[in-house]
Amino acid sequence: KDSELHTIFSPNADPGVDHSGLSGGTGITEVAGAFSCDAASTTAVGCPELATIAETTTGTDAARVVTPDGLAGSVFGQVEVQMVLFDFTTAVATGDGKFYFHIPTGSKLIGMNLIDVVGAVITVSSSGAITVDVARCAPVATGNPCSGTVADVLSTNLTIDQDEDSSNTAATPSVVDTSLDDVIVDQMWRIDVDGAGTGTKGLIVTLIFQLP
């Protein structure tokens, strides 16, 4: 079997050394014994630059390489869980446990954090705000879900103001308690409605999760 001997010269080597026989190869440039990597592209061999989280989110750069961390930190690393608490023609009512969802073994949500909560209604309230809380129930060995430790994960509850159809325009945005935002296997997440407004119908709540 033929073999090749590749000798790398330092750029600080004796200037009297003859470098004329050196070749960098595809994607590598050699000048006087010093090697540098050419920029890679979709058509050219070389060394690519790593994409930032912002560049990954934008999704238009064709010359950079996405890293696992960059992907996880971008919008493509987010997972949305959307729940219809009240059907679109059903009046919204207050009470705990208007919706539940369970974290099963192997769920991609395990290890993620809750980063945002958004609410919307189909028929707006004519008087007063809709107020929504999110509770995280610890796994229990026996008994009903949420019969053990229950923690409210919002330090400021979600509100949909009077005459508005979304929490995106709320005067006071919701705030996630970052000490209670993590997801583990077998948790039960519960959505509570603390304020129903007046004449409100149809309530949709979306939870957004992402790796820390």
N, C-alpha and C. Protein backbone atom coordinates (compact mmCIF):
# COMPACT_ATOMS: atom_id res chain seq x y z
N LYS A 1 0.85 -1.19 0.00
CA LYS A 1 0.00 0.00 0.00
C LYS A 1 0.88 1.23 0.00
N ASP A 2 0.59 2.16 -0.90
CA ASP A 2 1.38 3.39 -0.94
C ASP A 2 1.08 4.25 0.28
N SER A 3 2.06 4.99 0.69
CA SER A 3 1.87 5.91 1.82
C SER A 3 2.42 7.26 1.44
N GLU A 4 1.91 8.29 2.11
CA GLU A 4 2.36 9.64 1.87
C GLU A 4 2.90 10.23 3.15
N LEU A 5 3.93 11.03 3.04
CA LEU A 5 4.51 11.72 4.19
C LEU A 5 4.12 13.18 4.10
N HIS A 6 3.40 13.66 5.10
CA HIS A 6 2.97 15.05 5.14
C HIS A 6 3.81 15.78 6.18
N THR A 7 4.53 16.77 5.77
CA THR A 7 5.37 17.54 6.68
C THR A 7 4.80 18.93 6.83
N ILE A 8 4.55 19.35 8.06
CA ILE A 8 4.00 20.67 8.34
C ILE A 8 5.13 21.59 8.78
N PHE A 9 5.27 22.71 8.13
CA PHE A 9 6.31 23.68 8.45
C PHE A 9 5.73 24.83 9.26
N SER A 10 6.44 25.26 10.25
CA SER A 10 6.03 26.41 11.03
C SER A 10 6.22 27.67 10.21
N PRO A 11 5.31 28.64 10.36
CA PRO A 11 5.50 29.91 9.64
C PRO A 11 6.74 30.66 10.12
N ASN A 12 7.27 30.24 11.28
CA ASN A 12 8.47 30.88 11.81
C ASN A 12 9.73 30.09 11.49
N ALA A 13 9.58 29.14 10.57
CA ALA A 13 10.73 28.30 10.23
C ALA A 13 11.81 29.10 9.52
N ASP A 14 12.97 28.49 9.41
CA ASP A 14 14.12 29.12 8.76
C ASP A 14 13.72 29.57 7.36
N PRO A 15 13.84 30.86 7.05
CA PRO A 15 13.45 31.34 5.72
C PRO A 15 14.26 30.73 4.59
N GLY A 16 15.35 30.08 4.95
CA GLY A 16 16.17 29.46 3.92
C GLY A 16 15.61 28.14 3.44
N VAL A 17 14.57 27.61 4.14
CA VAL A 17 13.98 26.33 3.75
C VAL A 17 13.17 26.52 2.47
N ASP A 18 13.31 25.58 1.58
CA ASP A 18 12.58 25.63 0.30
C ASP A 18 11.17 25.08 0.49
N HIS A 19 10.15 25.94 0.34
CA HIS A 19 8.76 25.52 0.50
C HIS A 19 8.08 25.27 -0.84
N SER A 20 8.82 25.30 -1.90
CA SER A 20 8.21 25.28 -3.22
C SER A 20 7.45 24.01 -3.52
N GLY A 21 7.76 22.93 -2.82
CA GLY A 21 7.08 21.67 -3.12
C GLY A 21 5.82 21.45 -2.31
N LEU A 22 5.48 22.41 -1.42
CA LEU A 22 4.32 22.22 -0.56
C LEU A 22 3.04 22.58 -1.27
N SER A 23 1.97 21.87 -0.91
CA SER A 23 0.64 22.16 -1.45
C SER A 23 -0.38 21.97 -0.34
N GLY A 24 -1.25 22.93 -0.18
CA GLY A 24 -2.22 22.85 0.91
C GLY A 24 -3.31 21.83 0.67
N GLY A 25 -3.65 21.55 -0.56
CA GLY A 25 -4.76 20.66 -0.86
C GLY A 25 -6.06 21.42 -0.98
N THR A 26 -7.14 20.69 -1.25
CA THR A 26 -8.44 21.31 -1.47
C THR A 26 -8.92 22.01 -0.20
N GLY A 27 -9.24 23.29 -0.32
CA GLY A 27 -9.75 24.06 0.81
C GLY A 27 -8.68 24.60 1.73
N ILE A 28 -7.42 24.33 1.44
CA ILE A 28 -6.31 24.79 2.27
C ILE A 28 -5.37 25.63 1.40
N THR A 29 -5.00 26.79 1.93
CA THR A 29 -4.06 27.66 1.23
C THR A 29 -2.73 27.65 1.95
N GLU A 30 -1.62 27.51 1.18
CA GLU A 30 -0.27 27.50 1.76
C GLU A 30 0.52 28.67 1.19
N VAL A 31 1.09 29.46 2.08
CA VAL A 31 1.96 30.56 1.68
C VAL A 31 3.23 30.49 2.52
N ALA A 32 4.35 30.19 1.86
CA ALA A 32 5.66 30.13 2.53
C ALA A 32 5.64 29.23 3.75
N GLY A 33 4.98 28.10 3.63
CA GLY A 33 4.98 27.13 4.72
C GLY A 33 3.89 27.34 5.74
N ALA A 34 3.13 28.41 5.62
CA ALA A 34 2.02 28.68 6.54
C ALA A 34 0.70 28.27 5.88
N PHE A 35 -0.08 27.50 6.61
CA PHE A 35 -1.33 26.99 6.06
C PHE A 35 -2.52 27.74 6.65
N SER A 36 -3.51 28.03 5.81
CA SER A 36 -4.75 28.63 6.28
C SER A 36 -5.92 27.95 5.58
N CYS A 37 -7.04 27.94 6.27
CA CYS A 37 -8.22 27.24 5.76
C CYS A 37 -9.09 28.22 4.98
N ASP A 38 -9.49 27.82 3.79
CA ASP A 38 -10.38 28.65 2.99
C ASP A 38 -11.79 28.63 3.56
N ALA A 39 -12.55 29.66 3.28
CA ALA A 39 -13.94 29.72 3.73
C ALA A 39 -14.78 28.71 2.96
N ALA A 40 -15.59 27.97 3.69
CA ALA A 40 -16.46 26.98 3.05
C ALA A 40 -17.76 27.63 2.60
N SER A 41 -18.38 27.03 1.61
CA SER A 41 -19.70 27.46 1.15
C SER A 41 -20.44 26.23 0.65
N THR A 42 -21.61 26.42 0.08
CA THR A 42 -22.36 25.29 -0.45
C THR A 42 -21.69 24.67 -1.66
N THR A 43 -20.73 25.38 -2.26
CA THR A 43 -20.05 24.87 -3.45
C THR A 43 -18.54 24.76 -3.29
N ALA A 44 -17.99 25.31 -2.20
CA ALA A 44 -16.54 25.32 -2.01
C ALA A 44 -16.15 24.57 -0.75
N VAL A 45 -15.10 23.73 -0.86
CA VAL A 45 -14.56 23.02 0.29
C VAL A 45 -13.73 23.98 1.13
N GLY A 46 -13.84 23.88 2.44
CA GLY A 46 -13.06 24.75 3.32
C GLY A 46 -13.49 24.58 4.76
N CYS A 47 -13.15 25.56 5.58
CA CYS A 47 -13.49 25.52 7.00
C CYS A 47 -14.67 26.45 7.26
N PRO A 48 -15.78 25.93 7.75
CA PRO A 48 -16.96 26.78 7.98
C PRO A 48 -16.88 27.51 9.31
N GLU A 49 -17.60 28.62 9.40
CA GLU A 49 -17.77 29.35 10.65
C GLU A 49 -19.01 28.82 11.34
N LEU A 50 -19.01 28.82 12.68
CA LEU A 50 -20.16 28.34 13.43
C LEU A 50 -21.22 29.43 13.51
N ALA A 51 -22.46 29.05 13.32
CA ALA A 51 -23.56 30.00 13.36
C ALA A 51 -23.93 30.34 14.79
N THR A 52 -24.29 31.59 15.03
CA THR A 52 -24.80 32.01 16.33
C THR A 52 -26.25 31.59 16.48
N ILE A 53 -26.79 31.74 17.69
CA ILE A 53 -28.21 31.43 17.91
C ILE A 53 -29.08 32.32 17.04
N ALA A 54 -28.74 33.61 16.96
CA ALA A 54 -29.53 34.55 16.15
C ALA A 54 -29.49 34.17 14.68
N GLU A 55 -28.32 33.77 14.18
CA GLU A 55 -28.20 33.38 12.77
C GLU A 55 -28.97 32.09 12.49
N THR A 56 -29.00 31.19 13.48
CA THR A 56 -29.77 29.96 13.33
C THR A 56 -31.26 30.26 13.28
N THR A 57 -31.70 31.16 14.14
CA THR A 57 -33.11 31.55 14.16
C THR A 57 -33.53 32.20 12.86
N THR A 58 -32.68 33.09 12.33
CA THR A 58 -33.00 33.77 11.07
C THR A 58 -33.14 32.76 9.93
N GLY A 59 -32.23 31.78 9.90
CA GLY A 59 -32.37 30.67 8.95
C GLY A 59 -32.07 30.99 7.51
N THR A 60 -31.32 32.08 7.24
CA THR A 60 -31.03 32.45 5.85
C THR A 60 -29.56 32.31 5.48
N ASP A 61 -28.70 32.02 6.47
CA ASP A 61 -27.26 31.95 6.21
C ASP A 61 -26.91 30.59 5.62
N ALA A 62 -26.26 30.59 4.46
CA ALA A 62 -25.91 29.33 3.79
C ALA A 62 -24.43 29.01 3.92
N ALA A 63 -23.67 29.80 4.70
CA ALA A 63 -22.23 29.60 4.76
C ALA A 63 -21.74 29.22 6.15
N ARG A 64 -22.65 29.10 7.12
CA ARG A 64 -22.25 28.76 8.48
C ARG A 64 -22.85 27.42 8.90
N VAL A 65 -22.24 26.82 9.93
CA VAL A 65 -22.65 25.50 10.40
C VAL A 65 -23.40 25.64 11.72
N VAL A 66 -24.54 24.96 11.84
CA VAL A 66 -25.34 25.00 13.05
C VAL A 66 -24.78 24.02 14.08
N THR A 67 -24.65 24.48 15.33
CA THR A 67 -24.20 23.63 16.42
C THR A 67 -25.42 23.14 17.22
N PRO A 68 -25.27 22.05 17.98
CA PRO A 68 -26.39 21.61 18.82
C PRO A 68 -26.87 22.69 19.78
N ASP A 69 -25.92 23.42 20.38
CA ASP A 69 -26.30 24.48 21.32
C ASP A 69 -27.02 25.62 20.60
N GLY A 70 -26.53 25.96 19.41
CA GLY A 70 -27.18 27.02 18.64
C GLY A 70 -28.59 26.63 18.22
N LEU A 71 -28.78 25.36 17.88
CA LEU A 71 -30.10 24.88 17.49
C LEU A 71 -31.05 24.90 18.68
N ALA A 72 -30.57 24.41 19.82
CA ALA A 72 -31.41 24.35 21.02
C ALA A 72 -31.81 25.74 21.49
N GLY A 73 -30.91 26.71 21.32
CA GLY A 73 -31.19 28.07 21.78
C GLY A 73 -31.99 28.90 20.81
N SER A 74 -32.21 28.41 19.61
CA SER A 74 -32.96 29.15 18.59
C SER A 74 -34.45 28.84 18.70
N VAL A 75 -35.25 29.47 17.83
CA VAL A 75 -36.69 29.19 17.84
C VAL A 75 -36.97 27.74 17.44
N PHE A 76 -36.03 27.11 16.74
CA PHE A 76 -36.23 25.72 16.32
C PHE A 76 -36.06 24.75 17.49
N GLY A 77 -35.53 25.25 18.61
CA GLY A 77 -35.39 24.44 19.81
C GLY A 77 -36.56 24.60 20.77
N GLN A 78 -37.54 25.39 20.39
CA GLN A 78 -38.70 25.61 21.25
C GLN A 78 -39.80 24.60 20.95
N VAL A 79 -40.54 24.23 22.00
CA VAL A 79 -41.67 23.32 21.85
C VAL A 79 -42.90 24.02 22.41
N GLU A 80 -43.96 24.06 21.62
CA GLU A 80 -45.20 24.71 22.04
C GLU A 80 -46.26 23.66 22.37
N VAL A 81 -46.92 23.85 23.50
CA VAL A 81 -48.05 23.00 23.90
C VAL A 81 -49.28 23.90 23.96
N GLN A 82 -50.22 23.68 23.04
CA GLN A 82 -51.41 24.53 22.97
C GLN A 82 -52.64 23.76 23.43
N MET A 83 -53.44 24.42 24.28
CA MET A 83 -54.59 23.78 24.91
C MET A 83 -55.84 24.62 24.71
N VAL A 84 -56.93 23.99 24.35
CA VAL A 84 -58.22 24.67 24.28
C VAL A 84 -58.95 24.38 25.60
N LEU A 85 -58.97 25.38 26.49
CA LEU A 85 -59.60 25.20 27.80
C LEU A 85 -61.12 25.25 27.70
N PHE A 86 -61.62 26.14 26.87
CA PHE A 86 -63.06 26.25 26.64
C PHE A 86 -63.29 26.32 25.14
N ASP A 87 -64.26 25.52 24.67
CA ASP A 87 -64.56 25.50 23.24
C ASP A 87 -64.92 26.91 22.76
N PHE A 88 -64.85 27.10 21.48
CA PHE A 88 -64.90 28.45 20.91
C PHE A 88 -66.23 29.18 21.14
N THR A 89 -67.30 28.46 21.42
CA THR A 89 -68.59 29.10 21.69
C THR A 89 -69.03 28.90 23.14
N THR A 90 -68.12 28.39 23.98
CA THR A 90 -68.44 28.11 25.38
C THR A 90 -67.95 29.24 26.28
N ALA A 91 -68.79 29.64 27.22
CA ALA A 91 -68.42 30.71 28.15
C ALA A 91 -67.27 30.28 29.04
N VAL A 92 -66.33 31.18 29.25
CA VAL A 92 -65.19 30.92 30.13
C VAL A 92 -65.64 31.02 31.58
N ALA A 93 -65.19 30.07 32.42
CA ALA A 93 -65.54 30.05 33.84
C ALA A 93 -64.28 29.89 34.68
N THR A 94 -64.34 30.38 35.90
CA THR A 94 -63.18 30.28 36.80
C THR A 94 -63.12 28.89 37.43
N GLY A 95 -61.93 28.55 37.92
CA GLY A 95 -61.73 27.29 38.62
C GLY A 95 -60.38 26.69 38.32
N ASP A 96 -59.90 25.84 39.25
CA ASP A 96 -58.64 25.13 39.05
C ASP A 96 -58.86 23.92 38.14
N GLY A 97 -57.80 23.52 37.47
CA GLY A 97 -57.84 22.30 36.68
C GLY A 97 -58.76 22.37 35.47
N LYS A 98 -58.74 23.48 34.76
CA LYS A 98 -59.53 23.58 33.54
C LYS A 98 -58.86 22.82 32.38
N PHE A 99 -57.58 22.50 32.56
CA PHE A 99 -56.88 21.64 31.60
C PHE A 99 -55.67 21.03 32.31
N TYR A 100 -55.36 19.77 31.96
CA TYR A 100 -54.18 19.09 32.48
C TYR A 100 -53.39 18.52 31.31
N PHE A 101 -52.07 18.48 31.45
CA PHE A 101 -51.29 17.64 30.54
C PHE A 101 -50.13 17.00 31.29
N HIS A 102 -49.83 15.76 30.89
CA HIS A 102 -48.89 14.89 31.60
C HIS A 102 -47.58 14.80 30.84
N ILE A 103 -46.47 14.68 31.58
CA ILE A 103 -45.14 14.52 30.98
C ILE A 103 -44.77 13.04 31.01
N PRO A 104 -44.88 12.33 29.89
CA PRO A 104 -44.60 10.90 29.89
C PRO A 104 -43.11 10.60 29.80
N THR A 105 -42.75 9.37 30.11
CA THR A 105 -41.36 8.92 29.94
C THR A 105 -40.95 9.08 28.48
N GLY A 106 -39.76 9.64 28.26
CA GLY A 106 -39.25 9.81 26.91
C GLY A 106 -39.70 11.08 26.22
N SER A 107 -40.50 11.91 26.90
CA SER A 107 -40.97 13.15 26.29
C SER A 107 -39.81 14.08 26.00
N LYS A 108 -39.85 14.77 24.85
CA LYS A 108 -38.80 15.74 24.52
C LYS A 108 -38.84 16.95 25.44
N LEU A 109 -39.94 17.12 26.18
CA LEU A 109 -40.03 18.25 27.11
C LEU A 109 -39.18 18.06 28.35
N ILE A 110 -38.83 16.82 28.67
CA ILE A 110 -38.04 16.54 29.88
C ILE A 110 -36.70 17.26 29.79
N GLY A 111 -36.37 18.03 30.83
CA GLY A 111 -35.13 18.80 30.84
C GLY A 111 -35.29 20.21 30.32
N MET A 112 -36.44 20.50 29.71
CA MET A 112 -36.69 21.86 29.22
C MET A 112 -37.24 22.74 30.34
N ASN A 113 -37.28 24.04 30.07
CA ASN A 113 -37.88 25.02 30.97
C ASN A 113 -39.05 25.70 30.28
N LEU A 114 -40.04 26.08 31.08
CA LEU A 114 -41.10 26.93 30.56
C LEU A 114 -40.53 28.33 30.37
N ILE A 115 -40.66 28.90 29.17
CA ILE A 115 -40.10 30.23 28.92
C ILE A 115 -41.17 31.29 28.64
N ASP A 116 -42.38 30.86 28.28
CA ASP A 116 -43.40 31.86 27.97
C ASP A 116 -44.79 31.21 28.01
N VAL A 117 -45.79 32.04 28.26
CA VAL A 117 -47.19 31.61 28.27
C VAL A 117 -47.99 32.65 27.50
N VAL A 118 -48.86 32.18 26.62
CA VAL A 118 -49.69 33.09 25.82
C VAL A 118 -51.14 32.61 25.88
N GLY A 119 -52.05 33.56 26.01
CA GLY A 119 -53.47 33.21 26.03
C GLY A 119 -54.24 33.99 24.98
N ALA A 120 -55.35 33.42 24.52
CA ALA A 120 -56.20 34.09 23.54
C ALA A 120 -57.64 33.65 23.74
N VAL A 121 -58.58 34.53 23.38
CA VAL A 121 -60.01 34.20 23.47
C VAL A 121 -60.66 34.45 22.11
N ILE A 122 -61.83 33.83 21.93
CA ILE A 122 -62.57 34.01 20.68
C ILE A 122 -63.57 35.17 20.81
N THR A 123 -64.25 35.26 21.94
CA THR A 123 -65.12 36.41 22.23
C THR A 123 -64.53 37.16 23.41
N VAL A 124 -64.24 38.44 23.22
CA VAL A 124 -63.53 39.21 24.25
C VAL A 124 -64.44 39.52 25.43
N SER A 125 -63.80 39.82 26.55
CA SER A 125 -64.53 40.22 27.76
C SER A 125 -64.99 41.67 27.62
N SER A 126 -66.25 41.91 27.96
CA SER A 126 -66.78 43.27 27.91
C SER A 126 -66.51 44.03 29.20
N SER A 127 -66.12 43.30 30.25
CA SER A 127 -65.82 43.94 31.53
C SER A 127 -64.90 43.05 32.34
N GLY A 128 -63.73 43.57 32.70
CA GLY A 128 -62.79 42.80 33.50
C GLY A 128 -61.87 41.94 32.65
N ALA A 129 -60.76 41.55 33.26
CA ALA A 129 -59.74 40.76 32.57
C ALA A 129 -59.92 39.27 32.81
N ILE A 130 -59.44 38.47 31.86
CA ILE A 130 -59.31 37.02 32.05
C ILE A 130 -57.95 36.79 32.68
N THR A 131 -57.91 36.01 33.74
CA THR A 131 -56.65 35.75 34.46
C THR A 131 -56.41 34.25 34.50
N VAL A 132 -55.21 33.84 34.11
CA VAL A 132 -54.86 32.42 34.03
C VAL A 132 -53.58 32.16 34.80
N ASP A 133 -53.57 31.07 35.57
CA ASP A 133 -52.38 30.63 36.29
C ASP A 133 -51.99 29.25 35.78
N VAL A 134 -50.70 28.93 35.92
CA VAL A 134 -50.18 27.62 35.51
C VAL A 134 -49.56 26.97 36.74
N ALA A 135 -49.97 25.75 37.03
CA ALA A 135 -49.45 25.02 38.19
C ALA A 135 -48.71 23.78 37.73
N ARG A 136 -47.62 23.48 38.45
CA ARG A 136 -46.82 22.29 38.16
C ARG A 136 -46.97 21.33 39.33
N CYS A 137 -47.50 20.14 39.05
CA CYS A 137 -47.75 19.15 40.10
C CYS A 137 -46.64 18.10 40.10
N ALA A 138 -46.02 17.92 41.26
CA ALA A 138 -44.95 16.92 41.38
C ALA A 138 -45.52 15.51 41.25
N PRO A 139 -44.72 14.57 40.72
CA PRO A 139 -45.20 13.19 40.61
C PRO A 139 -45.55 12.62 41.99
N VAL A 140 -46.58 11.79 42.03
CA VAL A 140 -46.98 11.13 43.28
C VAL A 140 -46.99 9.63 43.06
N ALA A 141 -46.58 8.88 44.11
CA ALA A 141 -46.55 7.42 44.01
C ALA A 141 -47.95 6.84 44.02
N THR A 142 -48.83 7.42 44.84
CA THR A 142 -50.22 6.97 44.91
C THR A 142 -51.12 8.20 45.03
N GLY A 143 -52.37 8.02 44.70
CA GLY A 143 -53.32 9.13 44.81
C GLY A 143 -53.51 9.86 43.50
N ASN A 144 -54.41 10.81 43.53
CA ASN A 144 -54.75 11.56 42.33
C ASN A 144 -53.63 12.52 41.93
N PRO A 145 -53.54 12.83 40.63
CA PRO A 145 -52.57 13.84 40.21
C PRO A 145 -52.84 15.16 40.92
N CYS A 146 -51.78 15.88 41.23
CA CYS A 146 -51.85 17.17 41.93
C CYS A 146 -52.33 17.03 43.37
N SER A 147 -52.25 15.80 43.91
CA SER A 147 -52.56 15.61 45.33
C SER A 147 -51.32 15.76 46.20
N GLY A 148 -50.16 15.92 45.56
CA GLY A 148 -48.91 16.13 46.29
C GLY A 148 -48.51 17.59 46.26
N THR A 149 -47.23 17.84 45.97
CA THR A 149 -46.71 19.21 45.93
C THR A 149 -47.14 19.91 44.65
N VAL A 150 -47.78 21.05 44.81
CA VAL A 150 -48.24 21.85 43.67
C VAL A 150 -47.60 23.23 43.76
N ALA A 151 -47.00 23.69 42.67
CA ALA A 151 -46.33 24.99 42.65
C ALA A 151 -46.86 25.82 41.50
N ASP A 152 -47.18 27.07 41.78
CA ASP A 152 -47.56 28.00 40.71
C ASP A 152 -46.30 28.48 40.01
N VAL A 153 -46.22 28.28 38.71
CA VAL A 153 -44.98 28.57 37.98
C VAL A 153 -44.93 30.00 37.43
N LEU A 154 -46.01 30.74 37.58
CA LEU A 154 -46.01 32.13 37.16
C LEU A 154 -45.95 33.03 38.38
N SER A 155 -44.94 33.88 38.46
CA SER A 155 -44.88 34.86 39.54
C SER A 155 -45.83 36.02 39.27
N THR A 156 -46.12 36.26 37.99
CA THR A 156 -47.17 37.20 37.58
C THR A 156 -48.08 36.46 36.61
N ASN A 157 -49.34 36.32 36.98
CA ASN A 157 -50.26 35.53 36.18
C ASN A 157 -50.51 36.13 34.80
N LEU A 158 -50.92 35.28 33.88
CA LEU A 158 -51.27 35.70 32.53
C LEU A 158 -52.62 36.43 32.57
N THR A 159 -52.70 37.55 31.87
CA THR A 159 -53.97 38.27 31.77
C THR A 159 -54.29 38.61 30.32
N ILE A 160 -55.58 38.55 30.01
CA ILE A 160 -56.10 39.05 28.74
C ILE A 160 -57.04 40.19 29.12
N ASP A 161 -56.66 41.39 28.80
CA ASP A 161 -57.39 42.56 29.26
C ASP A 161 -58.75 42.70 28.58
N GLN A 162 -59.62 43.46 29.24
CA GLN A 162 -60.95 43.74 28.71
C GLN A 162 -60.87 44.26 27.27
N ASP A 163 -61.75 43.75 26.42
CA ASP A 163 -61.86 44.15 25.01
C ASP A 163 -60.67 43.72 24.16
N GLU A 164 -59.78 42.89 24.70
CA GLU A 164 -58.63 42.41 23.94
C GLU A 164 -58.72 40.89 23.78
N ASP A 165 -58.20 40.39 22.65
CA ASP A 165 -58.35 38.96 22.36
C ASP A 165 -57.09 38.15 22.65
N SER A 166 -56.04 38.79 23.15
CA SER A 166 -54.78 38.07 23.38
C SER A 166 -54.02 38.69 24.55
N SER A 167 -53.23 37.85 25.21
CA SER A 167 -52.37 38.35 26.29
C SER A 167 -51.16 39.10 25.76
N ASN A 168 -50.93 39.03 24.46
CA ASN A 168 -49.77 39.73 23.88
C ASN A 168 -49.86 41.24 24.07
N THR A 169 -51.08 41.75 24.27
CA THR A 169 -51.26 43.19 24.44
C THR A 169 -51.60 43.57 25.88
N ALA A 170 -51.39 42.64 26.81
CA ALA A 170 -51.74 42.89 28.22
C ALA A 170 -50.91 44.04 28.79
N ALA A 171 -51.56 44.85 29.63
CA ALA A 171 -50.85 45.96 30.28
C ALA A 171 -49.75 45.43 31.19
N THR A 172 -50.01 44.27 31.82
CA THR A 172 -49.01 43.64 32.69
C THR A 172 -48.70 42.25 32.14
N PRO A 173 -47.54 42.06 31.52
CA PRO A 173 -47.19 40.75 30.95
C PRO A 173 -47.00 39.70 32.05
N SER A 174 -47.25 38.45 31.70
CA SER A 174 -47.00 37.35 32.63
C SER A 174 -45.49 37.17 32.82
N VAL A 175 -45.13 36.64 33.98
CA VAL A 175 -43.72 36.39 34.30
C VAL A 175 -43.58 34.97 34.81
N VAL A 176 -42.64 34.21 34.24
CA VAL A 176 -42.37 32.84 34.68
C VAL A 176 -41.40 32.86 35.85
N ASP A 177 -41.71 32.12 36.91
CA ASP A 177 -40.80 31.96 38.05
C ASP A 177 -39.71 30.98 37.63
N THR A 178 -38.50 31.47 37.41
CA THR A 178 -37.43 30.63 36.87
C THR A 178 -36.92 29.58 37.86
N SER A 179 -37.37 29.64 39.11
CA SER A 179 -37.00 28.60 40.07
C SER A 179 -37.98 27.43 40.03
N LEU A 180 -39.06 27.59 39.25
CA LEU A 180 -40.11 26.55 39.20
C LEU A 180 -40.50 26.20 37.76
N ASP A 181 -39.58 26.44 36.84
CA ASP A 181 -39.94 26.33 35.42
C ASP A 181 -39.52 25.03 34.75
N ASP A 182 -38.81 24.14 35.48
CA ASP A 182 -38.22 22.96 34.83
C ASP A 182 -39.20 21.80 34.75
N VAL A 183 -38.99 20.98 33.72
CA VAL A 183 -39.87 19.85 33.43
C VAL A 183 -39.16 18.54 33.76
N ILE A 184 -39.84 17.66 34.51
CA ILE A 184 -39.30 16.32 34.78
C ILE A 184 -40.37 15.29 34.43
N VAL A 185 -39.93 14.04 34.34
CA VAL A 185 -40.84 12.97 33.95
C VAL A 185 -41.94 12.79 34.99
N ASP A 186 -43.13 12.51 34.52
CA ASP A 186 -44.31 12.18 35.32
C ASP A 186 -44.95 13.38 36.01
N GLN A 187 -44.48 14.58 35.71
CA GLN A 187 -45.18 15.75 36.22
C GLN A 187 -46.56 15.85 35.57
N MET A 188 -47.47 16.51 36.29
CA MET A 188 -48.75 16.90 35.71
C MET A 188 -48.80 18.43 35.74
N TRP A 189 -49.04 19.03 34.59
CA TRP A 189 -49.16 20.49 34.51
C TRP A 189 -50.65 20.84 34.44
N ARG A 190 -51.03 21.83 35.24
CA ARG A 190 -52.45 22.17 35.39
C ARG A 190 -52.67 23.65 35.06
N ILE A 191 -53.74 23.92 34.35
CA ILE A 191 -54.08 25.29 34.00
C ILE A 191 -55.31 25.71 34.80
N ASP A 192 -55.18 26.81 35.54
CA ASP A 192 -56.26 27.34 36.38
C ASP A 192 -56.74 28.68 35.82
N VAL A 193 -58.03 28.91 35.91
CA VAL A 193 -58.60 30.20 35.49
C VAL A 193 -59.07 30.94 36.74
N ASP A 194 -58.42 32.05 37.05
CA ASP A 194 -58.74 32.82 38.26
C ASP A 194 -59.70 33.97 37.98
N GLY A 195 -59.77 34.41 36.72
CA GLY A 195 -60.70 35.47 36.35
C GLY A 195 -61.26 35.21 34.97
N ALA A 196 -62.59 35.34 34.81
CA ALA A 196 -63.23 34.97 33.54
C ALA A 196 -63.71 36.16 32.74
N GLY A 197 -63.63 37.37 33.30
CA GLY A 197 -64.17 38.52 32.59
C GLY A 197 -65.69 38.44 32.49
N THR A 198 -66.25 39.10 31.50
CA THR A 198 -67.70 39.11 31.30
C THR A 198 -68.02 38.81 29.84
N GLY A 199 -68.81 37.76 29.63
CA GLY A 199 -69.21 37.42 28.27
C GLY A 199 -68.12 36.76 27.43
N THR A 200 -67.04 36.35 28.08
CA THR A 200 -65.91 35.77 27.35
C THR A 200 -66.24 34.35 26.89
N LYS A 201 -65.85 34.02 25.66
CA LYS A 201 -66.05 32.66 25.15
C LYS A 201 -64.77 32.19 24.46
N GLY A 202 -64.53 30.88 24.60
CA GLY A 202 -63.38 30.26 23.94
C GLY A 202 -62.07 30.74 24.53
N LEU A 203 -61.34 29.86 25.19
CA LEU A 203 -60.05 30.23 25.79
C LEU A 203 -58.97 29.24 25.35
N ILE A 204 -57.90 29.78 24.77
CA ILE A 204 -56.77 28.98 24.29
C ILE A 204 -55.52 29.44 25.03
N VAL A 205 -54.77 28.49 25.57
CA VAL A 205 -53.52 28.80 26.28
C VAL A 205 -52.39 28.02 25.64
N THR A 206 -51.28 28.70 25.38
CA THR A 206 -50.10 28.07 24.79
C THR A 206 -48.92 28.22 25.73
N LEU A 207 -48.28 27.11 26.07
CA LEU A 207 -47.06 27.11 26.86
C LEU A 207 -45.88 26.86 25.93
N ILE A 208 -44.80 27.61 26.11
CA ILE A 208 -43.62 27.49 25.25
C ILE A 208 -42.44 27.04 26.11
N PHE A 209 -41.81 25.94 25.70
CA PHE A 209 -40.69 25.35 26.45
C PHE A 209 -39.42 25.39 25.60
N GLN A 210 -38.27 25.40 26.30
CA GLN A 210 -36.97 25.37 25.61
C GLN A 210 -35.91 24.85 26.58
N LEU A 211 -34.87 24.21 26.03
CA LEU A 211 -33.76 23.76 26.86
C LEU A 211 -33.06 24.97 27.48
N PRO A 212 -32.59 24.83 28.73
CA PRO A 212 -31.89 25.96 29.37
C PRO A 212 -30.54 26.22 28.72
